[in-house]
Structures are given as structure tokens and as C-alpha cells.
Amino acid sequence: MSERRARRRAALRAARARWGDDLPRHRRRGLRARLTRQFAFVAFVAVMLTSFLTVNTTLRVLERTEASASTAPLTGSVSGHAHGTSMMRLDQGVVRAARREVTRSAAVAAVLCAVLASLAARGVTRSLTRPLQRLGDAAARVEAGERDVTLPVPFARDELRDVTVAFNHLTAGLARQEAWRRALVADIAHDLRTPLAVLRADIEAMQDGVTPTDAAGLARLHGEVLHLARLVTDLRTLTLAEGGALSLQVAPLDAAALTTDVAAAYSARAHAAGLDLHVDAPAPAFVRADPDRLRQILHNLLDNAARYAAPGRVDLRVRALDLRAHLHVRDHGPGFREEDLARAFERFYRADASRTRSADGHAGSGLGLAIARALAQAQGGTLDARNHPDGGAEFTVTFPLTAAPR
């Protein structure tokens, strides 16, 4: 526990140094001190203003009283006539004493209110700044590399609660991304290590004279190199597509005609895999897309069917519905298991490793569906998967319809 606390303190010091906040605590002007001074200043000004108004009003009353008292007529009468005016006057010493007393009382009240406001402000600002201090410490820990950082959520439903909840969501997302990154690196290392190990073993066997350096051996090595090249290319394509940096040549095209062309071009591979392709594209459906990337999407979906549904039938249908072109690729295989359907488009996810080998004998990389979806989304389309009610897996690619080119 002490070692972990020491690491946290070191992380906080490093973060404060990077943020330019490396002064000692007693020399830093914190939010709490500023709020306390502001509370006290506002209270002092408010009391002084109130006292000034009170003193001013009191003095005016005294002046009016003095003026009226000095000129008041006598109300008594002699033989029915008033005689003279009153000569009463307020003692000026009494007036000055009253002024001093009122002013002194106002000043004392202002000072007392400022002191009381400072004491109250310390308690109020403590409740405000303590969550912010915890948030700053937690942010420094996250910057130092920790990901499992969670703050207690305040009970009050205010802005501090919203900030704390948002911070917890942020750290949870960072933790998920970190776990995903580590899993991705592990998957890439695994997929690269297997063909590299085969290449190394074959080359060493040829060097030792165990395996002859003939056409068959060289062809096997060439196949492993091609497999590595495809994996690297797939990773690059997926990264560019997800990052929005993929070069696209978007133009109006007939999705129905392109689907028919893809089925014809794939027929030889389909026959070798035991697939029977059926195309149903009765009417044109024009969309704006990159023809090469759309072909790649359909090829990846057909490759997936060849791995999981062969031998069997694969239906390709194109329909225009609700201002969108729908391209359906449905196989008649076993379909998805429920847990596999939710993860169908994850990188490197393979539903059944024993059934993911292509015609060249290599296991699937687990990138085909992820690339297909990323390519569709990069062009403003969608790609979804489901289990067809009559059996088998069905993938649906959609693009907004556009006008036919003139």
C-alpha cells in the first residue's frame, strides 16, 4: 500500500511540474483561499453599504428634527393670540455623539460580518473544492498511466456530480480502449508469429538439407509470404478506413450490375469452395460509392461464407427500398451463435477456429468483416448481420440511392 501511495505522489508531482504548478502548497493560491477572500469582501462591502445608508438616513432624520424643533410656533395663547415661537434647539453635542455611535456601530458590524463570512466561506468552499482536488489528483493518476481510477459520485445532483460522472465514464472508456489495444497487439503478434514461424522452420530445414529446395518448397514459402502481405494490407486498410484517411474514388454506380459482376468473378473460387452462388438483382439501384471498395466488401462477405457455410448455397439480392439500396448476402449454413453475432465485426474475432481456413489452407485473420463494415461506413453506408428466419447468416449492406448518371 505504501509503495502504491508513493507512486501516486510521484505521479502528482510530475503532473504538477508539467502543468507549471510545482510551487509548495503554502505558496499556491488555491481556489479555496480565493473564494474565502471573495466571500469576506462581498460581505464587508454589503455591510458597509447598508451601514452607510443607515447612518445617512439617521443623520437626515436628526437634521429635520432639529430644524423643525427650532422654528415651531408656540401653541399657547394670551387673549386668543399666539405669542412668539419656540426657541428649543437640540444639543449639538448630543447630535455629534449620536453620529459617532451610529458610525462606530456600523463599522463594528461590517468587521464582524466579514469575519463571520470568512468562517462560513471556509466551510462552504471546503465542500466545493474537495471534489475538485480529488478530481485533479485522479486526473494526474490517469496521466501517469493508471486506468482503473473511479471517483465517488457526490450525492447532490449538481454540476460537481455531472463532472464526476463524466470523469468516471471517461476513465472507464480509457480502460476499455487500453484493454482493446493490448488485445489487438496480442492478436497481431499471434497472427504474424504463426506464418513467420512457418517461414523460419521451412528456411532452416532447407538450409540444413532436411527439406529439398525445390519448386514445391519455394511455392510453400511464397504462400506464407503472400499470407503475411495480405494480413499487413488488411491491417492498413482497416486502420485507414476507421481513421477516415482512406483514399476513395466515389462515383455513381449501379449496385445491381456490380453485384452481378462480383458473383461472376468469384464463381471459380466459389466452385472450389463448394458454394453455389445465386444472384437476384432485377432492377438497377444507383448509389455513390467507390466501385473497388464495394467489390472488396462483397468479396469479404463471400469469403466469410466460404469459410463458414461451404458447401452450400449463397444468395445475393439487391433491392431499392426506402431511398436506400440494400445488398443482401445470405448463406444457408448454421448461422451465428448468439454470442458470436454480437462480436461478428470485432477485429481478429473468429467464431470457430476449426472452420476458418481458406482454400489455401491458412486460417482466416478475423479482419474481413471488420474491414467490410469500416469500408461501408467510410462511404456513408452501413453493414449489419443477423440470422435469417429460414436459417443461415445474412449480411446487409445499404447505401443511399442516387440519381442515375446521364
Protein backbone atom coordinates (compact mmCIF):
# COMPACT_ATOMS: atom_id res chain seq x y z
CA MET A 1 0.00 0.00 0.00
CA SER A 2 2.84 2.41 0.89
CA GLU A 3 4.53 1.73 -2.44
CA ARG A 4 1.32 2.45 -4.32
CA ARG A 5 0.85 5.69 -2.36
CA ALA A 6 4.41 6.70 -3.17
CA ARG A 7 3.80 6.09 -6.88
CA ARG A 8 0.68 8.25 -6.73
CA ARG A 9 2.54 11.08 -5.03
CA ALA A 10 5.31 10.87 -7.61
CA ALA A 11 2.73 10.97 -10.39
CA LEU A 12 1.09 14.04 -8.83
CA ARG A 13 4.42 15.83 -8.54
CA ALA A 14 5.26 15.01 -12.15
CA ALA A 15 1.87 16.18 -13.37
CA ARG A 16 2.09 19.45 -11.42
CA ALA A 17 5.55 20.04 -12.83
CA ARG A 18 4.21 19.56 -16.36
CA TRP A 19 1.26 21.82 -15.66
CA GLY A 20 3.51 24.55 -14.23
CA ASP A 21 2.13 24.06 -10.71
CA ASP A 22 5.27 22.98 -8.90
CA LEU A 23 5.15 25.60 -6.12
CA PRO A 24 4.93 24.42 -2.50
CA ARG A 25 1.41 24.04 -1.15
CA HIS A 26 1.73 27.01 1.26
CA ARG A 27 2.73 29.27 -1.66
CA ARG A 28 -0.03 28.23 -4.04
CA ARG A 29 -3.14 30.36 -4.18
CA GLY A 30 -5.83 27.80 -4.23
CA LEU A 31 -9.45 28.17 -5.23
CA ARG A 32 -10.50 27.78 -1.62
CA ALA A 33 -8.46 30.80 -0.48
CA ARG A 34 -9.71 32.94 -3.34
CA LEU A 35 -13.34 32.05 -2.64
CA THR A 36 -12.87 32.79 1.08
CA ARG A 37 -11.44 36.24 0.36
CA GLN A 38 -14.20 36.96 -2.14
CA PHE A 39 -16.91 35.91 0.32
CA ALA A 40 -15.39 38.15 3.03
CA PHE A 41 -15.02 41.10 0.64
CA VAL A 42 -18.60 40.84 -0.58
CA ALA A 43 -19.90 40.61 3.00
CA PHE A 44 -17.78 43.60 4.07
CA VAL A 45 -18.94 45.75 1.16
CA ALA A 46 -22.58 44.76 1.71
CA VAL A 47 -22.50 45.66 5.41
CA MET A 48 -20.63 48.91 4.77
CA LEU A 49 -23.16 49.92 2.15
CA THR A 50 -26.04 49.06 4.47
CA SER A 51 -24.37 50.95 7.32
CA PHE A 52 -23.77 53.99 5.11
CA LEU A 53 -27.41 54.09 4.13
CA THR A 54 -28.46 53.66 7.76
CA VAL A 55 -26.16 56.43 9.02
CA ASN A 56 -27.18 58.74 6.20
CA THR A 57 -30.87 58.19 6.92
CA THR A 58 -30.37 58.68 10.67
CA LEU A 59 -28.50 61.95 10.19
CA ARG A 60 -31.17 63.28 7.87
CA VAL A 61 -33.83 62.49 10.43
CA LEU A 62 -31.84 64.29 13.13
CA GLU A 63 -31.36 67.32 10.89
CA ARG A 64 -35.06 67.52 10.06
CA THR A 65 -35.93 67.12 13.72
CA GLU A 66 -33.54 69.91 14.68
CA ALA A 67 -34.87 72.25 12.01
CA SER A 68 -38.50 71.68 12.88
CA ALA A 69 -37.87 71.99 16.60
CA SER A 70 -36.09 75.36 16.28
CA THR A 71 -38.93 77.07 14.39
CA ALA A 72 -42.01 75.51 15.95
CA PRO A 73 -44.64 78.15 16.91
CA LEU A 74 -45.94 78.40 20.44
CA THR A 75 -49.33 76.85 20.69
CA GLY A 76 -50.31 78.67 23.86
CA SER A 77 -52.35 81.91 23.57
CA VAL A 78 -52.90 85.03 25.51
CA SER A 79 -56.29 86.61 24.97
CA GLY A 80 -56.76 84.31 21.97
CA HIS A 81 -53.50 85.27 20.24
CA ALA A 82 -50.29 83.21 19.79
CA HIS A 83 -47.25 84.84 21.21
CA GLY A 84 -43.72 84.10 19.65
CA THR A 85 -42.01 80.88 18.58
CA SER A 86 -40.26 78.14 20.46
CA MET A 87 -36.54 78.68 20.99
CA MET A 88 -35.85 74.95 21.67
CA ARG A 89 -32.76 73.53 19.97
CA LEU A 90 -31.19 70.08 20.06
CA ASP A 91 -27.86 69.96 21.79
CA GLN A 92 -25.18 69.75 19.07
CA GLY A 93 -23.01 67.61 21.30
CA VAL A 94 -25.78 65.05 21.51
CA VAL A 95 -26.13 65.05 17.72
CA ARG A 96 -22.41 64.55 17.19
CA ALA A 97 -22.31 61.78 19.77
CA ALA A 98 -25.21 60.06 18.03
CA ARG A 99 -23.40 60.29 14.72
CA ARG A 100 -20.23 58.81 16.16
CA GLU A 101 -22.12 55.99 17.84
CA VAL A 102 -24.01 55.07 14.68
CA THR A 103 -20.81 55.15 12.59
CA ARG A 104 -18.90 53.07 15.14
CA SER A 105 -21.70 50.51 15.30
CA ALA A 106 -21.77 50.25 11.51
CA ALA A 107 -18.00 49.71 11.32
CA VAL A 108 -18.08 47.05 14.03
CA ALA A 109 -20.98 45.32 12.29
CA ALA A 110 -19.09 45.35 8.98
CA VAL A 111 -15.98 43.82 10.52
CA LEU A 112 -17.96 41.17 12.40
CA CYS A 113 -19.89 40.26 9.25
CA ALA A 114 -16.66 39.98 7.27
CA VAL A 115 -15.19 37.66 9.91
CA LEU A 116 -18.35 35.55 10.07
CA ALA A 117 -18.48 35.42 6.26
CA SER A 118 -14.87 34.22 6.16
CA LEU A 119 -15.60 31.45 8.65
CA ALA A 120 -18.71 30.41 6.76
CA ALA A 121 -16.86 30.60 3.45
CA ARG A 122 -14.20 28.18 4.68
CA GLY A 123 -16.84 25.54 5.26
CA VAL A 124 -18.65 26.25 2.01
CA THR A 125 -15.52 26.33 -0.12
CA ARG A 126 -14.25 23.16 1.51
CA SER A 127 -17.30 21.29 0.20
CA LEU A 128 -16.74 22.83 -3.24
CA THR A 129 -13.00 22.41 -3.59
CA ARG A 130 -12.54 18.98 -2.05
CA PRO A 131 -14.23 17.19 -5.03
CA LEU A 132 -12.16 19.34 -7.39
CA GLN A 133 -8.96 18.38 -5.57
CA ARG A 134 -9.91 14.71 -5.80
CA LEU A 135 -10.66 15.21 -9.50
CA GLY A 136 -7.26 16.83 -10.08
CA ASP A 137 -5.45 14.06 -8.23
CA ALA A 138 -7.36 11.42 -10.19
CA ALA A 139 -6.55 13.17 -13.49
CA ALA A 140 -2.86 13.14 -12.57
CA ARG A 141 -3.06 9.42 -11.82
CA VAL A 142 -4.68 8.80 -15.20
CA GLU A 143 -1.96 10.84 -16.89
CA ALA A 144 0.62 8.76 -15.05
CA GLY A 145 -0.76 5.62 -16.64
CA GLU A 146 -3.43 4.34 -14.26
CA ARG A 147 -6.71 3.38 -15.90
CA ASP A 148 -8.79 1.84 -13.11
CA VAL A 149 -9.48 5.23 -11.48
CA THR A 150 -13.02 5.83 -10.23
CA LEU A 151 -14.22 8.73 -8.09
CA PRO A 152 -17.09 8.53 -5.59
CA VAL A 153 -20.14 10.26 -7.04
CA PRO A 154 -21.46 13.13 -4.86
CA PHE A 155 -24.98 12.71 -3.54
CA ALA A 156 -26.13 16.21 -4.52
CA ARG A 157 -27.41 16.50 -8.07
CA ASP A 158 -25.34 19.47 -9.20
CA GLU A 159 -22.56 20.35 -11.61
CA LEU A 160 -19.91 18.62 -9.47
CA ARG A 161 -21.88 15.39 -9.72
CA ASP A 162 -22.12 15.77 -13.50
CA VAL A 163 -18.36 16.38 -13.79
CA THR A 164 -17.59 13.37 -11.59
CA VAL A 165 -19.89 11.08 -13.57
CA ALA A 166 -18.37 12.32 -16.84
CA PHE A 167 -14.87 11.69 -15.47
CA ASN A 168 -15.79 8.15 -14.41
CA HIS A 169 -17.22 7.48 -17.87
CA LEU A 170 -14.04 8.86 -19.42
CA THR A 171 -11.76 6.65 -17.34
CA ALA A 172 -13.96 3.62 -17.99
CA GLY A 173 -13.70 4.31 -21.73
CA LEU A 174 -9.94 4.70 -21.45
CA ALA A 175 -9.73 1.41 -19.58
CA ARG A 176 -11.74 -0.31 -22.31
CA GLN A 177 -9.54 1.21 -25.01
CA GLU A 178 -6.42 0.13 -23.16
CA ALA A 179 -7.71 -3.42 -22.84
CA TRP A 180 -8.71 -3.40 -26.51
CA ARG A 181 -5.28 -2.06 -27.52
CA ARG A 182 -3.48 -4.76 -25.58
CA ALA A 183 -5.71 -7.44 -27.03
CA LEU A 184 -5.17 -6.01 -30.52
CA VAL A 185 -1.40 -6.04 -30.12
CA ALA A 186 -1.54 -9.60 -28.82
CA ASP A 187 -3.74 -10.69 -31.74
CA ILE A 188 -1.49 -9.02 -34.30
CA ALA A 189 1.57 -10.60 -32.73
CA HIS A 190 -0.12 -14.01 -32.80
CA ASP A 191 -1.23 -13.71 -36.41
CA LEU A 192 2.20 -12.53 -37.52
CA ARG A 193 4.09 -15.07 -35.44
CA THR A 194 2.44 -18.12 -36.99
CA PRO A 195 3.43 -17.54 -40.65
CA LEU A 196 6.83 -16.22 -39.55
CA ALA A 197 7.42 -19.40 -37.57
CA VAL A 198 6.47 -21.49 -40.61
CA LEU A 199 8.80 -19.46 -42.81
CA ARG A 200 11.65 -19.80 -40.35
CA ALA A 201 11.16 -23.55 -39.94
CA ASP A 202 10.98 -24.15 -43.70
CA ILE A 203 14.01 -21.99 -44.45
CA GLU A 204 16.08 -23.61 -41.69
CA ALA A 205 15.03 -27.05 -42.94
CA MET A 206 16.18 -26.13 -46.44
CA GLN A 207 19.46 -24.77 -45.10
CA ASP A 208 20.08 -27.97 -43.14
CA GLY A 209 19.24 -30.14 -46.14
CA VAL A 210 16.24 -31.72 -44.41
CA THR A 211 13.84 -30.32 -47.00
CA PRO A 212 14.84 -30.04 -50.65
CA THR A 213 14.93 -26.59 -52.16
CA ASP A 214 12.54 -27.42 -54.95
CA ALA A 215 9.58 -25.75 -56.62
CA ALA A 216 7.11 -27.14 -54.09
CA GLY A 217 9.10 -25.82 -51.13
CA LEU A 218 9.53 -22.41 -52.70
CA ALA A 219 5.83 -22.28 -53.53
CA ARG A 220 5.02 -23.02 -49.89
CA LEU A 221 7.32 -20.21 -48.75
CA HIS A 222 5.78 -17.90 -51.32
CA GLY A 223 2.32 -18.72 -49.98
CA GLU A 224 3.36 -17.80 -46.43
CA VAL A 225 4.82 -14.52 -47.66
CA LEU A 226 1.59 -13.73 -49.51
CA HIS A 227 -0.38 -14.51 -46.37
CA LEU A 228 1.77 -12.09 -44.38
CA ALA A 229 1.37 -9.44 -47.07
CA ARG A 230 -2.42 -9.84 -47.03
CA LEU A 231 -2.50 -9.51 -43.25
CA VAL A 232 -0.42 -6.34 -43.30
CA THR A 233 -2.53 -4.91 -46.13
CA ASP A 234 -5.74 -5.73 -44.28
CA LEU A 235 -4.49 -4.03 -41.13
CA ARG A 236 -3.50 -0.94 -43.08
CA THR A 237 -6.85 -0.81 -44.90
CA LEU A 238 -8.78 -1.19 -41.66
CA THR A 239 -6.76 1.50 -39.89
CA LEU A 240 -7.17 3.97 -42.76
CA ALA A 241 -10.89 3.28 -43.10
CA GLU A 242 -11.58 3.69 -39.39
CA GLY A 243 -9.46 6.84 -39.24
CA GLY A 244 -11.16 8.48 -42.23
CA ALA A 245 -7.87 8.61 -44.16
CA LEU A 246 -8.71 6.02 -46.81
CA SER A 247 -8.47 7.26 -50.40
CA LEU A 248 -11.85 6.75 -52.08
CA GLN A 249 -12.90 7.26 -55.70
CA VAL A 250 -16.62 7.79 -55.12
CA ALA A 251 -18.88 7.95 -58.16
CA PRO A 252 -22.43 6.94 -59.12
CA LEU A 253 -22.65 3.22 -59.93
CA ASP A 254 -25.28 0.54 -60.36
CA ALA A 255 -25.09 -1.69 -57.30
CA ALA A 256 -27.14 -4.38 -59.03
CA ALA A 257 -24.78 -4.61 -62.00
CA LEU A 258 -21.71 -4.53 -59.76
CA THR A 259 -23.09 -7.36 -57.60
CA THR A 260 -23.66 -9.46 -60.71
CA ASP A 261 -20.09 -8.79 -61.86
CA VAL A 262 -18.67 -9.73 -58.44
CA ALA A 263 -20.60 -13.01 -58.44
CA ALA A 264 -19.28 -13.85 -61.90
CA ALA A 265 -15.70 -13.02 -60.93
CA TYR A 266 -15.99 -15.06 -57.73
CA SER A 267 -17.58 -18.08 -59.40
CA ALA A 268 -14.32 -20.03 -59.77
CA ARG A 269 -13.40 -19.59 -56.11
CA ALA A 270 -16.97 -20.36 -55.10
CA HIS A 271 -16.91 -23.59 -57.09
CA ALA A 272 -13.61 -24.59 -55.47
CA ALA A 273 -15.07 -23.93 -52.03
CA GLY A 274 -18.32 -25.77 -52.81
CA LEU A 275 -20.52 -22.68 -52.94
CA ASP A 276 -23.46 -22.26 -55.31
CA LEU A 277 -23.98 -18.55 -55.99
CA HIS A 278 -27.45 -17.21 -56.90
CA VAL A 279 -27.89 -13.55 -57.87
CA ASP A 280 -31.26 -11.76 -57.70
CA ALA A 281 -30.86 -8.17 -58.93
CA PRO A 282 -33.85 -7.44 -61.18
CA ALA A 283 -33.64 -3.62 -61.27
CA PRO A 284 -30.87 -1.03 -61.26
CA ALA A 285 -30.02 0.58 -57.91
CA PHE A 286 -27.67 3.54 -58.27
CA VAL A 287 -25.55 4.62 -55.32
CA ARG A 288 -22.49 6.81 -54.78
CA ALA A 289 -19.60 4.55 -53.80
CA ASP A 290 -16.09 3.51 -54.69
CA PRO A 291 -16.53 0.52 -57.03
CA ASP A 292 -13.28 -1.15 -55.95
CA ARG A 293 -14.12 -0.82 -52.25
CA LEU A 294 -17.67 -2.05 -52.79
CA ARG A 295 -16.27 -5.09 -54.60
CA GLN A 296 -13.94 -5.64 -51.66
CA ILE A 297 -16.89 -5.57 -49.26
CA LEU A 298 -18.76 -8.21 -51.27
CA HIS A 299 -15.61 -10.33 -51.66
CA ASN A 300 -15.06 -10.29 -47.89
CA LEU A 301 -18.66 -11.36 -47.28
CA LEU A 302 -18.33 -14.18 -49.81
CA ASP A 303 -15.02 -15.24 -48.23
CA ASN A 304 -16.79 -15.42 -44.89
CA ALA A 305 -19.50 -17.62 -46.41
CA ALA A 306 -16.84 -19.86 -47.96
CA ARG A 307 -15.27 -20.40 -44.54
CA TYR A 308 -18.42 -20.97 -42.51
CA ALA A 309 -21.18 -22.14 -44.89
CA ALA A 310 -19.42 -24.23 -47.55
CA PRO A 311 -20.52 -26.41 -49.14
CA GLY A 312 -23.88 -24.79 -49.71
CA ARG A 313 -25.83 -22.07 -51.40
CA VAL A 314 -25.25 -18.32 -51.16
CA ASP A 315 -27.90 -15.82 -52.28
CA LEU A 316 -27.02 -12.28 -53.40
CA ARG A 317 -30.03 -9.95 -53.63
CA VAL A 318 -30.20 -6.24 -54.49
CA ARG A 319 -33.29 -4.18 -53.71
CA ALA A 320 -34.13 -0.45 -53.68
CA LEU A 321 -36.24 0.32 -50.61
CA ASP A 322 -36.90 3.47 -48.56
CA LEU A 323 -34.48 5.59 -50.61
CA ARG A 324 -31.64 3.13 -49.97
CA ALA A 325 -30.07 0.31 -51.91
CA HIS A 326 -29.97 -2.95 -49.94
CA LEU A 327 -27.38 -5.58 -50.88
CA HIS A 328 -28.08 -8.88 -49.12
CA VAL A 329 -25.56 -11.74 -48.90
CA ARG A 330 -27.16 -14.79 -47.29
CA ASP A 331 -25.70 -18.23 -46.80
CA HIS A 332 -27.53 -21.41 -45.84
CA GLY A 333 -25.07 -22.53 -43.21
CA PRO A 334 -25.55 -22.88 -39.45
CA GLY A 335 -25.77 -19.12 -38.85
CA PHE A 336 -24.40 -17.25 -35.87
CA ARG A 337 -24.45 -18.31 -32.29
CA GLU A 338 -25.91 -15.57 -30.12
CA GLU A 339 -22.57 -14.67 -28.55
CA ASP A 340 -20.86 -14.68 -31.96
CA LEU A 341 -23.44 -12.38 -33.56
CA ALA A 342 -22.71 -9.61 -31.06
CA ARG A 343 -18.98 -9.79 -31.87
CA ALA A 344 -19.14 -10.52 -35.59
CA PHE A 345 -17.45 -7.24 -36.61
CA GLU A 346 -14.70 -7.20 -33.98
CA ARG A 347 -11.10 -7.26 -35.12
CA PHE A 348 -9.46 -10.69 -35.08
CA TYR A 349 -12.62 -12.35 -33.80
CA ARG A 350 -13.12 -15.85 -35.19
CA ALA A 351 -16.30 -17.67 -34.24
CA ASP A 352 -14.95 -21.20 -34.77
CA ALA A 353 -11.22 -21.59 -35.27
CA SER A 354 -11.65 -25.11 -36.63
CA ARG A 355 -13.73 -23.81 -39.55
CA THR A 356 -11.87 -20.66 -40.53
CA ARG A 357 -9.42 -21.98 -43.10
CA SER A 358 -9.48 -20.70 -46.64
CA ALA A 359 -8.77 -22.66 -49.78
CA ASP A 360 -5.02 -22.06 -49.44
CA GLY A 361 -5.03 -23.72 -46.03
CA HIS A 362 -4.45 -20.57 -43.97
CA ALA A 363 -6.67 -19.65 -41.08
CA GLY A 364 -8.76 -16.53 -41.51
CA SER A 365 -7.30 -13.41 -39.95
CA GLY A 366 -10.56 -12.31 -38.37
CA LEU A 367 -10.33 -8.95 -40.14
CA GLY A 368 -12.61 -9.48 -43.14
CA LEU A 369 -15.92 -8.46 -41.57
CA ALA A 370 -14.34 -5.58 -39.64
CA ILE A 371 -12.83 -4.27 -42.87
CA ALA A 372 -16.12 -4.68 -44.74
CA ARG A 373 -18.04 -2.65 -42.16
CA ALA A 374 -15.32 0.03 -41.97
CA LEU A 375 -15.32 0.38 -45.76
CA ALA A 376 -19.11 0.65 -45.87
CA GLN A 377 -19.16 3.32 -43.17
CA ALA A 378 -16.32 5.24 -44.80
CA GLN A 379 -18.53 5.64 -47.89
CA GLY A 380 -21.66 6.65 -45.97
CA GLY A 381 -23.17 3.17 -45.91
CA THR A 382 -23.93 0.53 -43.29
CA LEU A 383 -23.27 -3.17 -42.82
CA ASP A 384 -25.29 -5.32 -40.42
CA ALA A 385 -25.57 -9.02 -39.71
CA ARG A 386 -28.38 -11.24 -38.49
CA ASN A 387 -29.59 -14.81 -38.50
CA HIS A 388 -32.12 -15.29 -41.28
CA PRO A 389 -35.50 -16.60 -40.09
CA ASP A 390 -35.21 -19.53 -42.53
CA GLY A 391 -31.68 -20.35 -41.43
CA GLY A 392 -28.19 -19.18 -42.23
CA ALA A 393 -26.41 -15.88 -41.74
CA GLU A 394 -27.41 -12.77 -43.68
CA PHE A 395 -25.36 -9.62 -44.18
CA THR A 396 -27.00 -6.44 -45.43
CA VAL A 397 -25.07 -3.56 -46.99
CA THR A 398 -27.02 -0.33 -47.51
CA PHE A 399 -26.19 2.89 -49.36
CA PRO A 400 -28.35 5.95 -50.08
CA LEU A 401 -29.86 5.88 -53.54
CA THR A 402 -28.75 8.48 -56.04
CA ALA A 403 -29.80 9.56 -59.50
CA ALA A 404 -28.59 7.55 -62.47
CA PRO A 405 -25.68 9.21 -64.32
CA ARG A 406 -26.60 10.84 -67.61
